[in-house]
PDB file of N, CA and C in Angstrom:
ATOM      1  N   MET A   1       9.638  -9.133   7.275  1.00  0.00           N
ATOM      2  CA  MET A   1       8.941  -7.883   7.038  1.00  0.00           C
ATOM      3  C   MET A   1       8.084  -8.013   5.780  1.00  0.00           C
ATOM      4  N   PRO A   2       6.954  -7.350   5.780  1.00  0.00           N
ATOM      5  CA  PRO A   2       6.057  -7.430   4.622  1.00  0.00           C
ATOM      6  C   PRO A   2       6.575  -6.643   3.425  1.00  0.00           C
ATOM      7  N   LYS A   3       6.133  -7.075   2.263  1.00  0.00           N
ATOM      8  CA  LYS A   3       6.481  -6.419   1.013  1.00  0.00           C
ATOM      9  C   LYS A   3       5.301  -5.552   0.581  1.00  0.00           C
ATOM     10  N   TYR A   4       5.594  -4.326   0.161  1.00  0.00           N
ATOM     11  CA  TYR A   4       4.558  -3.399  -0.278  1.00  0.00           C
ATOM     12  C   TYR A   4       4.859  -2.913  -1.690  1.00  0.00           C
ATOM     13  N   ILE A   5       3.814  -2.620  -2.426  1.00  0.00           N
ATOM     14  CA  ILE A   5       3.949  -2.062  -3.757  1.00  0.00           C
ATOM     15  C   ILE A   5       3.334  -0.671  -3.719  1.00  0.00           C
ATOM     16  N   TYR A   6       4.083   0.293  -4.200  1.00  0.00           N
ATOM     17  CA  TYR A   6       3.620   1.674  -4.245  1.00  0.00           C
ATOM     18  C   TYR A   6       3.516   2.133  -5.695  1.00  0.00           C
ATOM     19  N   LYS A   7       2.509   2.969  -5.963  1.00  0.00           N
ATOM     20  CA  LYS A   7       2.338   3.546  -7.295  1.00  0.00           C
ATOM     21  C   LYS A   7       2.126   5.045  -7.143  1.00  0.00           C
ATOM     22  N   CYS A   8       2.839   5.812  -7.965  1.00  0.00           N
ATOM     23  CA  CYS A   8       2.727   7.265  -7.935  1.00  0.00           C
ATOM     24  C   CYS A   8       1.476   7.700  -8.693  1.00  0.00           C
ATOM     25  N   LYS A   9       0.701   8.586  -8.085  1.00  0.00           N
ATOM     26  CA  LYS A   9      -0.514   9.109  -8.718  1.00  0.00           C
ATOM     27  C   LYS A   9      -0.187  10.073  -9.855  1.00  0.00           C
ATOM     28  N   GLU A  10       1.013  10.628  -9.844  1.00  0.00           N
ATOM     29  CA  GLU A  10       1.404  11.609 -10.860  1.00  0.00           C
ATOM     30  C   GLU A  10       2.057  10.972 -12.088  1.00  0.00           C
ATOM     31  N   CYS A  11       3.094  10.148 -11.859  1.00  0.00           N
ATOM     32  CA  CYS A  11       3.882   9.628 -12.986  1.00  0.00           C
ATOM     33  C   CYS A  11       3.688   8.126 -13.225  1.00  0.00           C
ATOM     34  N   ASP A  12       2.837   7.464 -12.442  1.00  0.00           N
ATOM     35  CA  ASP A  12       2.560   6.028 -12.553  1.00  0.00           C
ATOM     36  C   ASP A  12       3.775   5.140 -12.279  1.00  0.00           C
ATOM     37  N   PHE A  13       4.796   5.691 -11.637  1.00  0.00           N
ATOM     38  CA  PHE A  13       5.966   4.919 -11.245  1.00  0.00           C
ATOM     39  C   PHE A  13       5.556   3.873 -10.224  1.00  0.00           C
ATOM     40  N   VAL A  14       6.017   2.637 -10.390  1.00  0.00           N
ATOM     41  CA  VAL A  14       5.687   1.548  -9.473  1.00  0.00           C
ATOM     42  C   VAL A  14       6.965   1.081  -8.796  1.00  0.00           C
ATOM     43  N   LYS A  15       6.880   0.891  -7.492  1.00  0.00           N
ATOM     44  CA  LYS A  15       8.046   0.508  -6.707  1.00  0.00           C
ATOM     45  C   LYS A  15       7.644  -0.551  -5.694  1.00  0.00           C
ATOM     46  N   GLU A  16       8.460  -1.582  -5.561  1.00  0.00           N
ATOM     47  CA  GLU A  16       8.240  -2.637  -4.575  1.00  0.00           C
ATOM     48  C   GLU A  16       9.233  -2.435  -3.437  1.00  0.00           C
ATOM     49  N   VAL A  17       8.729  -2.399  -2.203  1.00  0.00           N
ATOM     50  CA  VAL A  17       9.554  -2.078  -1.041  1.00  0.00           C
ATOM     51  C   VAL A  17       9.244  -3.049   0.094  1.00  0.00           C
ATOM     52  N   VAL A  18      10.269  -3.385   0.847  1.00  0.00           N
ATOM     53  CA  VAL A  18      10.089  -4.198   2.054  1.00  0.00           C
ATOM     54  C   VAL A  18      10.376  -3.292   3.248  1.00  0.00           C
ATOM     55  N   HIS A  19       9.377  -3.146   4.125  1.00  0.00           N
ATOM     56  CA  HIS A  19       9.567  -2.344   5.331  1.00  0.00           C
ATOM     57  C   HIS A  19       8.554  -2.763   6.386  1.00  0.00           C
ATOM     58  N   SER A  20       8.665  -2.166   7.564  1.00  0.00           N
ATOM     59  CA  SER A  20       7.780  -2.529   8.669  1.00  0.00           C
ATOM     60  C   SER A  20       6.354  -2.063   8.389  1.00  0.00           C
ATOM     61  N   MET A  21       5.399  -2.638   9.114  1.00  0.00           N
ATOM     62  CA  MET A  21       3.990  -2.301   8.933  1.00  0.00           C
ATOM     63  C   MET A  21       3.688  -0.864   9.357  1.00  0.00           C
ATOM     64  N   GLN A  22       4.478  -0.312  10.253  1.00  0.00           N
ATOM     65  CA  GLN A  22       4.231   1.044  10.735  1.00  0.00           C
ATOM     66  C   GLN A  22       4.686   2.099   9.724  1.00  0.00           C
ATOM     67  N   GLU A  23       5.593   1.730   8.858  1.00  0.00           N
ATOM     68  CA  GLU A  23       6.151   2.678   7.896  1.00  0.00           C
ATOM     69  C   GLU A  23       5.238   2.804   6.674  1.00  0.00           C
ATOM     70  N   LYS A  24       5.171   3.991   6.091  1.00  0.00           N
ATOM     71  CA  LYS A  24       4.392   4.194   4.872  1.00  0.00           C
ATOM     72  C   LYS A  24       5.061   5.293   4.056  1.00  0.00           C
ATOM     73  N   LEU A  25       5.402   4.977   2.808  1.00  0.00           N
ATOM     74  CA  LEU A  25       6.030   5.952   1.927  1.00  0.00           C
ATOM     75  C   LEU A  25       4.976   6.876   1.331  1.00  0.00           C
ATOM     76  N   LYS A  26       5.343   8.124   1.099  1.00  0.00           N
ATOM     77  CA  LYS A  26       4.391   9.100   0.568  1.00  0.00           C
ATOM     78  C   LYS A  26       4.935   9.867  -0.624  1.00  0.00           C
ATOM     79  N   ASP A  27       6.257  10.065  -0.694  1.00  0.00           N
ATOM     80  CA  ASP A  27       6.862  10.915  -1.712  1.00  0.00           C
ATOM     81  C   ASP A  27       7.486  10.074  -2.825  1.00  0.00           C
ATOM     82  N   CYS A  28       7.259  10.495  -4.067  1.00  0.00           N
ATOM     83  CA  CYS A  28       7.786   9.786  -5.226  1.00  0.00           C
ATOM     84  C   CYS A  28       9.205  10.264  -5.526  1.00  0.00           C
ATOM     85  N   GLU A  29      10.133   9.336  -5.528  1.00  0.00           N
ATOM     86  CA  GLU A  29      11.519   9.691  -5.818  1.00  0.00           C
ATOM     87  C   GLU A  29      11.762   9.801  -7.330  1.00  0.00           C
ATOM     88  N   GLU A  30      10.862   9.272  -8.123  1.00  0.00           N
ATOM     89  CA  GLU A  30      11.001   9.318  -9.581  1.00  0.00           C
ATOM     90  C   GLU A  30      10.666  10.714 -10.129  1.00  0.00           C
ATOM     91  N   CYS A  31       9.536  11.287  -9.707  1.00  0.00           N
ATOM     92  CA  CYS A  31       9.123  12.606 -10.217  1.00  0.00           C
ATOM     93  C   CYS A  31       9.290  13.709  -9.171  1.00  0.00           C
ATOM     94  N   ASP A  32       9.850  13.364  -8.007  1.00  0.00           N
ATOM     95  CA  ASP A  32      10.094  14.327  -6.922  1.00  0.00           C
ATOM     96  C   ASP A  32       8.833  15.075  -6.488  1.00  0.00           C
ATOM     97  N   THR A  33       7.721  14.367  -6.454  1.00  0.00           N
ATOM     98  CA  THR A  33       6.465  14.965  -6.014  1.00  0.00           C
ATOM     99  C   THR A  33       6.156  14.472  -4.607  1.00  0.00           C
ATOM    100  N   ILE A  34       5.616  15.342  -3.786  1.00  0.00           N
ATOM    101  CA  ILE A  34       5.363  15.039  -2.380  1.00  0.00           C
ATOM    102  C   ILE A  34       3.944  14.514  -2.190  1.00  0.00           C
ATOM    103  N   ASP A  35       3.819  13.505  -1.350  1.00  0.00           N
ATOM    104  CA  ASP A  35       2.535  12.950  -0.924  1.00  0.00           C
ATOM    105  C   ASP A  35       1.672  12.436  -2.088  1.00  0.00           C
ATOM    106  N   VAL A  36       2.289  11.648  -2.993  1.00  0.00           N
ATOM    107  CA  VAL A  36       1.554  11.130  -4.146  1.00  0.00           C
ATOM    108  C   VAL A  36       1.603   9.608  -4.263  1.00  0.00           C
ATOM    109  N   LEU A  37       2.358   8.939  -3.390  1.00  0.00           N
ATOM    110  CA  LEU A  37       2.440   7.486  -3.488  1.00  0.00           C
ATOM    111  C   LEU A  37       1.226   6.837  -2.853  1.00  0.00           C
ATOM    112  N   ARG A  38       0.703   5.832  -3.525  1.00  0.00           N
ATOM    113  CA  ARG A  38      -0.431   5.070  -3.021  1.00  0.00           C
ATOM    114  C   ARG A  38       0.032   3.624  -2.883  1.00  0.00           C
ATOM    115  N   ARG A  39      -0.242   3.036  -1.735  1.00  0.00           N
ATOM    116  CA  ARG A  39       0.162   1.654  -1.510  1.00  0.00           C
ATOM    117  C   ARG A  39      -0.886   0.738  -2.113  1.00  0.00           C
ATOM    118  N   ILE A  40      -0.432  -0.179  -2.949  1.00  0.00           N
ATOM    119  CA  ILE A  40      -1.305  -1.149  -3.581  1.00  0.00           C
ATOM    120  C   ILE A  40      -1.281  -2.406  -2.724  1.00  0.00           C
ATOM    121  N   PRO A  41      -2.423  -2.906  -2.318  1.00  0.00           N
ATOM    122  CA  PRO A  41      -2.440  -4.089  -1.452  1.00  0.00           C
ATOM    123  C   PRO A  41      -1.749  -5.277  -2.105  1.00  0.00           C
ATOM    124  N   SER A  42      -0.873  -5.910  -1.349  1.00  0.00           N
ATOM    125  CA  SER A  42      -0.185  -7.094  -1.852  1.00  0.00           C
ATOM    126  C   SER A  42      -0.656  -8.346  -1.122  1.00  0.00           C
ATOM    127  N   PHE A  43      -1.324  -8.167  -0.002  1.00  0.00           N
ATOM    128  CA  PHE A  43      -1.907  -9.244   0.784  1.00  0.00           C
ATOM    129  C   PHE A  43      -0.908 -10.301   1.228  1.00  0.00           C
ATOM    130  N   SER A  44       0.350  -9.927   1.323  1.00  0.00           N
ATOM    131  CA  SER A  44       1.318 -10.838   1.912  1.00  0.00           C
ATOM    132  C   SER A  44       1.666 -10.286   3.280  1.00  0.00           C
ATOM    133  N   LEU A  45       1.541 -11.119   4.280  1.00  0.00           N
ATOM    134  CA  LEU A  45       1.752 -10.683   5.648  1.00  0.00           C
ATOM    135  C   LEU A  45       2.645 -11.698   6.331  1.00  0.00           C
ATOM    136  N   SER A  46       3.811 -11.281   6.765  1.00  0.00           N
ATOM    137  CA  SER A  46       4.698 -12.200   7.459  1.00  0.00           C
ATOM    138  C   SER A  46       4.949 -11.676   8.860  1.00  0.00           C
ATOM    139  N   LEU A  47       4.784 -12.540   9.834  1.00  0.00           N
ATOM    140  CA  LEU A  47       4.997 -12.169  11.221  1.00  0.00           C
ATOM    141  C   LEU A  47       6.055 -13.096  11.805  1.00  0.00           C
ATOM    142  N   GLY A  48       6.991 -12.529  12.518  1.00  0.00           N
ATOM    143  CA  GLY A  48       8.043 -13.322  13.113  1.00  0.00           C
ATOM    144  C   GLY A  48       7.520 -14.210  14.229  1.00  0.00           C
ATOM    145  N   ALA A  49       8.176 -15.333  14.458  1.00  0.00           N
ATOM    146  CA  ALA A  49       7.747 -16.284  15.482  1.00  0.00           C
ATOM    147  C   ALA A  49       7.904 -15.704  16.883  1.00  0.00           C
ATOM    148  N   THR A  50       8.747 -14.701  17.031  1.00  0.00           N
ATOM    149  CA  THR A  50       8.978 -14.127  18.354  1.00  0.00           C
ATOM    150  C   THR A  50       8.099 -12.908  18.607  1.00  0.00           C
ATOM    151  N   SER A  51       7.132 -12.644  17.752  1.00  0.00           N
ATOM    152  CA  SER A  51       6.269 -11.475  17.916  1.00  0.00           C
ATOM    153  C   SER A  51       5.410 -11.593  19.161  1.00  0.00           C
ATOM    154  N   ASN A  52       5.162 -10.486  19.796  1.00  0.00           N
ATOM    155  CA  ASN A  52       4.290 -10.420  20.955  1.00  0.00           C
ATOM    156  C   ASN A  52       2.848 -10.522  20.463  1.00  0.00           C
ATOM    157  N   PRO A  53       2.047 -11.487  20.956  1.00  0.00           N
ATOM    158  CA  PRO A  53       0.681 -11.666  20.464  1.00  0.00           C
ATOM    159  C   PRO A  53      -0.209 -10.441  20.625  1.00  0.00           C
ATOM    160  N   GLU A  54      -0.010  -9.671  21.694  1.00  0.00           N
ATOM    161  CA  GLU A  54      -0.842  -8.489  21.898  1.00  0.00           C
ATOM    162  C   GLU A  54      -0.608  -7.458  20.802  1.00  0.00           C
ATOM    163  N   THR A  55       0.644  -7.184  20.507  1.00  0.00           N
ATOM    164  CA  THR A  55       0.938  -6.191  19.477  1.00  0.00           C
ATOM    165  C   THR A  55       0.718  -6.763  18.080  1.00  0.00           C
ATOM    166  N   THR A  56       0.912  -8.057  17.911  1.00  0.00           N
ATOM    167  CA  THR A  56       0.700  -8.684  16.600  1.00  0.00           C
ATOM    168  C   THR A  56      -0.759  -8.578  16.192  1.00  0.00           C
ATOM    169  N   GLY A  57      -1.668  -8.840  17.103  1.00  0.00           N
ATOM    170  CA  GLY A  57      -3.092  -8.748  16.793  1.00  0.00           C
ATOM    171  C   GLY A  57      -3.489  -7.341  16.373  1.00  0.00           C
ATOM    172  N   GLY A  58      -2.960  -6.359  17.068  1.00  0.00           N
ATOM    173  CA  GLY A  58      -3.237  -4.970  16.726  1.00  0.00           C
ATOM    174  C   GLY A  58      -2.672  -4.599  15.365  1.00  0.00           C
ATOM    175  N   ARG A  59      -1.465  -5.093  15.092  1.00  0.00           N
ATOM    176  CA  ARG A  59      -0.835  -4.815  13.791  1.00  0.00           C
ATOM    177  C   ARG A  59      -1.613  -5.470  12.657  1.00  0.00           C
ATOM    178  N   VAL A  60      -2.046  -6.695  12.876  1.00  0.00           N
ATOM    179  CA  VAL A  60      -2.813  -7.397  11.842  1.00  0.00           C
ATOM    180  C   VAL A  60      -4.131  -6.670  11.588  1.00  0.00           C
ATOM    181  N   LYS A  61      -4.809  -6.263  12.653  1.00  0.00           N
ATOM    182  CA  LYS A  61      -6.070  -5.534  12.498  1.00  0.00           C
ATOM    183  C   LYS A  61      -5.842  -4.236  11.729  1.00  0.00           C
ATOM    184  N   ASP A  62      -4.795  -3.503  12.091  1.00  0.00           N
ATOM    185  CA  ASP A  62      -4.475  -2.264  11.387  1.00  0.00           C
ATOM    186  C   ASP A  62      -4.183  -2.533   9.914  1.00  0.00           C
ATOM    187  N   PHE A  63      -3.424  -3.594   9.638  1.00  0.00           N
ATOM    188  CA  PHE A  63      -3.089  -3.947   8.254  1.00  0.00           C
ATOM    189  C   PHE A  63      -4.354  -4.271   7.463  1.00  0.00           C
ATOM    190  N   ILE A  64      -5.258  -5.044   8.055  1.00  0.00           N
ATOM    191  CA  ILE A  64      -6.501  -5.415   7.383  1.00  0.00           C
ATOM    192  C   ILE A  64      -7.355  -4.183   7.128  1.00  0.00           C
ATOM    193  N   ASP A  65      -7.484  -3.318   8.120  1.00  0.00           N
ATOM    194  CA  ASP A  65      -8.261  -2.086   7.949  1.00  0.00           C
ATOM    195  C   ASP A  65      -7.673  -1.213   6.848  1.00  0.00           C
ATOM    196  N   GLU A  66      -6.355  -1.098   6.840  1.00  0.00           N
ATOM    197  CA  GLU A  66      -5.686  -0.283   5.825  1.00  0.00           C
ATOM    198  C   GLU A  66      -5.854  -0.893   4.427  1.00  0.00           C
ATOM    199  N   ALA A  67      -5.740  -2.212   4.329  1.00  0.00           N
ATOM    200  CA  ALA A  67      -5.912  -2.888   3.041  1.00  0.00           C
ATOM    201  C   ALA A  67      -7.339  -2.706   2.523  1.00  0.00           C
ATOM    202  N   ARG A  68      -8.316  -2.781   3.408  1.00  0.00           N
ATOM    203  CA  ARG A  68      -9.714  -2.554   3.005  1.00  0.00           C
ATOM    204  C   ARG A  68      -9.907  -1.142   2.471  1.00  0.00           C
ATOM    205  N   GLN A  69      -9.319  -0.159   3.148  1.00  0.00           N
ATOM    206  CA  GLN A  69      -9.430   1.225   2.702  1.00  0.00           C
ATOM    207  C   GLN A  69      -8.759   1.405   1.344  1.00  0.00           C
ATOM    208  N   GLU A  70      -7.592   0.805   1.173  1.00  0.00           N
ATOM    209  CA  GLU A  70      -6.877   0.920  -0.104  1.00  0.00           C
ATOM    210  C   GLU A  70      -7.681   0.269  -1.228  1.00  0.00           C
ATOM    211  N   LEU A  71      -8.302  -0.875  -0.950  1.00  0.00           N
ATOM    212  CA  LEU A  71      -9.144  -1.527  -1.953  1.00  0.00           C
ATOM    213  C   LEU A  71     -10.344  -0.665  -2.317  1.00  0.00           C
ATOM    214  N   LYS A  72     -10.945  -0.037  -1.319  1.00  0.00           N
ATOM    215  CA  LYS A  72     -12.086   0.841  -1.560  1.00  0.00           C
ATOM    216  C   LYS A  72     -11.674   2.005  -2.459  1.00  0.00           C
ATOM    217  N   GLU A  73     -10.520   2.608  -2.153  1.00  0.00           N
ATOM    218  CA  GLU A  73     -10.020   3.715  -2.957  1.00  0.00           C
ATOM    219  C   GLU A  73      -9.714   3.263  -4.382  1.00  0.00           C
ATOM    220  N   GLU A  74      -9.136   2.077  -4.518  1.00  0.00           N
ATOM    221  CA  GLU A  74      -8.815   1.542  -5.851  1.00  0.00           C
ATOM    222  C   GLU A  74     -10.085   1.284  -6.650  1.00  0.00           C
ATOM    223  N   ARG A  75     -11.125   0.738  -6.011  1.00  0.00           N
ATOM    224  CA  ARG A  75     -12.407   0.513  -6.693  1.00  0.00           C
ATOM    225  C   ARG A  75     -13.007   1.820  -7.179  1.00  0.00           C
ATOM    226  N   GLU A  76     -12.988   2.843  -6.312  1.00  0.00           N
ATOM    227  CA  GLU A  76     -13.518   4.152  -6.687  1.00  0.00           C
ATOM    228  C   GLU A  76     -12.722   4.741  -7.849  1.00  0.00           C
ATOM    229  N   SER A  77     -11.413   4.577  -7.811  1.00  0.00           N
ATOM    230  CA  SER A  77     -10.561   5.076  -8.882  1.00  0.00           C
ATOM    231  C   SER A  77     -10.884   4.382 -10.205  1.00  0.00           C
ATOM    232  N   LEU A  78     -11.102   3.077 -10.156  1.00  0.00           N
ATOM    233  CA  LEU A  78     -11.417   2.327 -11.371  1.00  0.00           C
ATOM    234  C   LEU A  78     -12.804   2.665 -11.902  1.00  0.00           C
ATOM    235  N   LYS A  79     -13.729   3.004 -11.023  1.00  0.00           N
ATOM    236  CA  LYS A  79     -15.068   3.395 -11.458  1.00  0.00           C
ATOM    237  C   LYS A  79     -15.017   4.681 -12.272  1.00  0.00           C
ATOM    238  N   ARG A  80     -14.113   5.594 -11.887  1.00  0.00           N
ATOM    239  CA  ARG A  80     -14.014   6.880 -12.562  1.00  0.00           C
ATOM    240  C   ARG A  80     -13.152   6.817 -13.822  1.00  0.00           C
ATOM    241  N   LYS A  81     -12.389   5.755 -13.999  1.00  0.00           N
ATOM    242  CA  LYS A  81     -11.484   5.646 -15.131  1.00  0.00           C
ATOM    243  C   LYS A  81     -12.245   5.385 -16.411  1.00  0.00           C
ATOM    244  N   GLU A  82     -11.830   6.059 -17.469  1.00  0.00           N
ATOM    245  CA  GLU A  82     -12.450   5.855 -18.766  1.00  0.00           C
ATOM    246  C   GLU A  82     -11.615   4.859 -19.552  1.00  0.00           C
ATOM    247  N   TYR A  83     -12.255   3.902 -20.154  1.00  0.00           N
ATOM    248  CA  TYR A  83     -11.575   2.899 -20.959  1.00  0.00           C
ATOM    249  C   TYR A  83     -11.878   3.158 -22.432  1.00  0.00           C
ATOM    250  N   THR A  84     -10.880   3.027 -23.261  1.00  0.00           N
ATOM    251  CA  THR A  84     -11.074   3.211 -24.693  1.00  0.00           C
ATOM    252  C   THR A  84     -10.611   1.972 -25.429  1.00  0.00           C
ATOM    253  N   ASN A  85     -11.236   1.687 -26.540  1.00  0.00           N
ATOM    254  CA  ASN A  85     -10.832   0.577 -27.398  1.00  0.00           C
ATOM    255  C   ASN A  85     -10.016   1.147 -28.540  1.00  0.00           C
ATOM    256  N   ASP A  86      -8.746   0.813 -28.548  1.00  0.00           N
ATOM    257  CA  ASP A  86      -7.865   1.317 -29.601  1.00  0.00           C
ATOM    258  C   ASP A  86      -7.599   0.256 -30.630  1.00  0.00           C
TER     259      ASP A  86
END
């Protein structure tokens, strides 16, 4: 199963989780806020040798599309971030 990294938009809590590609966490257990977790692309993809090629291709495509969207969102977030020299 693939490993995912999640970061809370509210409290900046970071969590590493292993789960199926269909699953996606949304709620932060650290600050008890709903629908604030953002998945950070980890680009590690493991597929079992017994996987069905038809469903594997669809899962890989979905994973790639989702990773691209997450990267786009991260780029936009970084563009809006203000950096200070302390």
